[in-house]
Protein backbone atom coordinates (compact mmCIF):
# COMPACT_ATOMS: atom_id res chain seq x y z
CA UNK A 1 42.39 45.64 66.28
CA UNK A 2 42.71 45.54 69.70
CA UNK A 3 45.93 47.05 71.13
CA UNK A 4 48.04 44.94 74.07
CA UNK A 5 46.74 46.32 76.99
CA UNK A 6 42.85 45.85 76.30
CA UNK A 7 43.43 42.06 75.13
CA UNK A 8 45.50 41.37 78.10
CA UNK A 9 42.82 42.93 80.35
CA UNK A 10 39.99 40.50 79.13
CA UNK A 11 38.97 38.10 82.28
CA UNK A 12 38.80 34.49 81.70
CA UNK A 13 35.38 32.94 82.39
CA UNK A 14 34.44 32.02 86.02
CA UNK A 15 32.96 28.30 87.15
CA UNK A 16 30.02 29.11 89.28
CA UNK A 17 30.99 28.53 92.84
CA UNK A 18 28.55 25.57 93.40
CA UNK A 19 30.93 23.72 90.45
CA UNK A 20 34.03 24.83 91.95
CA UNK A 21 32.67 23.31 95.22
CA UNK A 22 32.06 20.07 93.77
CA UNK A 23 35.04 19.51 91.79
CA UNK A 24 37.22 20.25 94.94
CA UNK A 25 34.51 17.69 96.93
CA UNK A 26 35.62 15.23 94.21
CA UNK A 27 39.53 15.79 94.77
CA UNK A 28 39.23 15.52 98.38
CA UNK A 29 37.35 12.32 98.62
CA UNK A 30 39.72 11.26 96.18
CA UNK A 31 42.54 12.33 98.82
CA UNK A 32 42.09 8.97 100.38
CA UNK A 33 43.06 6.86 97.59
CA UNK A 34 47.01 6.10 98.06
CA UNK A 35 47.56 5.27 94.43
CA UNK A 36 46.34 8.97 93.38
CA UNK A 37 47.08 10.97 96.48
CA UNK A 38 50.37 12.76 95.28
CA UNK A 39 48.59 13.57 92.00
CA UNK A 40 45.21 14.80 93.69
CA UNK A 41 47.08 17.06 96.33
CA UNK A 42 49.15 18.59 93.52
CA UNK A 43 45.40 19.45 91.79
CA UNK A 44 44.12 20.92 94.64
CA UNK A 45 46.94 23.03 95.16
CA UNK A 46 47.30 23.98 91.36
CA UNK A 47 43.29 25.06 91.81
CA UNK A 48 44.07 26.89 95.07
CA UNK A 49 46.78 28.92 93.25
CA UNK A 50 45.03 29.45 89.97
CA UNK A 51 41.76 30.44 91.30
CA UNK A 52 40.60 32.77 94.03
CA UNK A 53 37.54 31.17 95.12
CA UNK A 54 39.37 27.61 95.49
CA UNK A 55 42.12 29.26 97.57
CA UNK A 56 39.15 30.38 100.13
CA UNK A 57 37.39 27.10 100.13
CA UNK A 58 37.58 25.91 103.38
CA UNK A 59 36.96 22.06 102.60
CA UNK A 60 40.37 22.50 100.59
CA UNK A 61 41.79 24.26 102.93
CA UNK A 62 40.88 21.59 105.84
CA UNK A 63 42.10 18.54 102.96
CA UNK A 64 45.65 20.17 102.31
CA UNK A 65 46.72 22.21 105.45
CA UNK A 66 45.27 19.63 108.63
CA UNK A 67 48.37 17.81 108.65
CA UNK A 68 51.80 19.71 108.09
CA UNK A 69 55.04 18.08 107.74
CA UNK A 70 58.06 19.92 108.63
CA UNK A 71 61.78 18.49 107.91
CA UNK A 72 64.27 20.49 110.08
CA UNK A 73 67.61 20.41 108.20
CA UNK A 74 70.14 22.87 108.70
CA UNK A 75 70.68 23.60 104.51
CA UNK A 76 66.85 24.66 104.98
CA UNK A 77 67.72 26.94 107.74
CA UNK A 78 69.60 28.79 105.20
CA UNK A 79 67.19 29.09 103.06
CA UNK A 80 63.94 30.26 104.82
CA UNK A 81 61.24 32.14 103.37
CA UNK A 82 58.69 34.22 105.07
CA UNK A 83 55.40 33.11 104.86
CA UNK A 84 51.88 34.25 106.48
CA UNK A 85 50.80 31.67 108.06
CA UNK A 86 47.82 33.44 108.82
CA UNK A 87 45.32 31.92 106.27
CA UNK A 88 46.19 28.39 107.28
CA UNK A 89 46.59 28.63 110.75
CA UNK A 90 42.58 27.64 111.70
CA UNK A 91 43.05 24.33 109.77
CA UNK A 92 46.12 22.90 111.05
CA UNK A 93 45.66 19.89 113.46
CA UNK A 94 48.77 18.15 113.56
CA UNK A 95 52.59 19.35 113.40
CA UNK A 96 54.82 16.15 112.35
CA UNK A 97 58.53 16.74 112.69
CA UNK A 98 60.89 14.67 110.84
CA UNK A 99 64.57 14.88 111.01
CA UNK A 100 66.79 15.02 107.74
CA UNK A 101 66.76 11.45 105.99
CA UNK A 102 70.46 11.54 107.61
CA UNK A 103 70.77 8.77 110.76
CA UNK A 104 72.86 10.27 113.57
CA UNK A 105 74.99 7.44 115.02
CA UNK A 106 75.45 5.30 111.90
CA UNK A 107 79.00 3.49 112.10
CA UNK A 108 81.44 3.68 109.35
CA UNK A 109 80.56 0.13 108.37
CA UNK A 110 76.82 0.45 108.09
CA UNK A 111 77.50 3.51 105.97
CA UNK A 112 79.45 1.53 103.85
CA UNK A 113 77.08 -0.86 103.57
CA UNK A 114 74.02 2.40 102.93
CA UNK A 115 76.33 3.47 99.85
CA UNK A 116 76.50 -0.04 98.10
CA UNK A 117 73.03 -0.33 98.28
CA UNK A 118 72.65 3.36 97.43
CA UNK A 119 74.83 2.71 94.52
CA UNK A 120 73.21 -0.60 93.64
CA UNK A 121 69.91 1.63 92.98
CA UNK A 122 68.22 -0.32 95.38
CA UNK A 123 64.95 1.62 96.86
CA UNK A 124 63.56 1.41 100.40
CA UNK A 125 60.20 2.81 101.09
CA UNK A 126 60.00 6.17 102.36
CA UNK A 127 57.75 7.51 105.20
CA UNK A 128 57.43 10.77 103.25
CA UNK A 129 57.07 12.50 100.24
CA UNK A 130 60.24 14.49 100.68
CA UNK A 131 62.53 11.96 102.05
CA UNK A 132 61.31 9.83 98.79
CA UNK A 133 62.08 12.99 96.18
CA UNK A 134 65.63 13.30 97.99
CA UNK A 135 66.24 9.57 97.13
CA UNK A 136 65.24 9.94 93.49
CA UNK A 137 67.39 13.04 93.39
CA UNK A 138 70.35 11.56 94.64
CA UNK A 139 69.73 8.30 92.51
CA UNK A 140 70.75 9.68 89.47
CA UNK A 141 74.43 10.40 91.02
CA UNK A 142 74.65 6.37 91.14
CA UNK A 143 77.84 6.75 88.46
CA UNK A 144 80.05 4.48 91.14
CA UNK A 145 81.00 3.56 94.74
CA UNK A 146 83.92 5.64 95.50
CA UNK A 147 86.59 3.05 95.34
CA UNK A 148 89.07 5.13 97.73
CA UNK A 149 89.07 4.51 101.60
CA UNK A 150 89.87 8.47 101.86
CA UNK A 151 86.74 9.45 99.40
CA UNK A 152 84.79 6.77 101.29
CA UNK A 153 86.08 8.78 105.09
CA UNK A 154 85.22 12.39 103.44
CA UNK A 155 81.67 11.18 102.83
CA UNK A 156 81.24 9.16 105.80
CA UNK A 157 82.43 12.39 107.63
CA UNK A 158 80.25 14.71 105.85
CA UNK A 159 77.02 12.54 106.14
CA UNK A 160 77.82 12.31 109.89
CA UNK A 161 78.22 16.22 110.33
CA UNK A 162 74.64 16.82 108.21
CA UNK A 163 73.13 14.06 110.72
CA UNK A 164 74.36 15.68 113.92
CA UNK A 165 73.77 18.88 112.88
CA UNK A 166 70.02 18.15 111.66
CA UNK A 167 69.34 16.29 114.59
CA UNK A 168 70.45 19.03 117.03
CA UNK A 169 67.59 21.20 115.59
CA UNK A 170 64.77 18.88 116.51
CA UNK A 171 66.65 17.93 120.10
CA UNK A 172 66.95 21.16 121.88
CA UNK A 173 63.40 21.70 120.95
CA UNK A 174 63.12 25.42 120.07
CA UNK A 175 62.02 25.03 116.42
CA UNK A 176 59.61 22.72 117.20
CA UNK A 177 58.09 24.79 119.80
CA UNK A 178 58.31 27.88 117.66
CA UNK A 179 56.15 26.60 115.07
CA UNK A 180 53.77 24.90 117.72
CA UNK A 181 53.22 27.91 119.30
CA UNK A 182 52.63 29.54 116.14
CA UNK A 183 50.24 27.32 114.55
CA UNK A 184 48.38 25.24 117.14
CA UNK A 185 48.07 28.13 119.66
C-alpha cells in the first residue's frame, strides 16, 4: 500500500512540446473569432497556469499580452497586488487606459434616465469585457427604481464622486505615465 506522500509526488504525464505548440497555435488562431474570443482567451490563460511549458511559449505570451487594458478606478487602487512584469514586458505593444464605467459631468436628469434604463434591464453594448462584467454584476441589483427623491440624490452624489475620482486618476497623467515607463520602455 502506497503512503500519501508517495502518491502525491507522482507526476502527471506531459504532452510533447510539439503537441503543446500545435494546441497553442490552434487556440491563438481562434482568438480572431469574436464569438469565441472570451472562451479561447480563458483557455489560453488556463493552459499557461497549469502547464509550465505553455507559460514559456512565446506565441501564447505574445497573443495574450500584446495589448493590455488598464482600468483606473479609485476602488481598484485600494486593492493593489504587487506583480512582476518582467515575464510579459517584452510582449506588450499597446496599453489602453479606460476610465471607469462612470461618466463624469453627467447631469441629474441624465442620471435619472440612466437609472431607468439600468433598472429596466436594458443592456448597452460595452466597449470592453470588464465594463460588460460590471453591468452584469449590477444587473442583479435591479429590484426597483429608488422612489424617493432623497435616494436618487444620494445615488447621484455617490456616482458623481466616483466618476470624478476615477477621471482624476487618468487626467493627472501620473498613473498612465508610470505604466508606460514600466512596460513600454
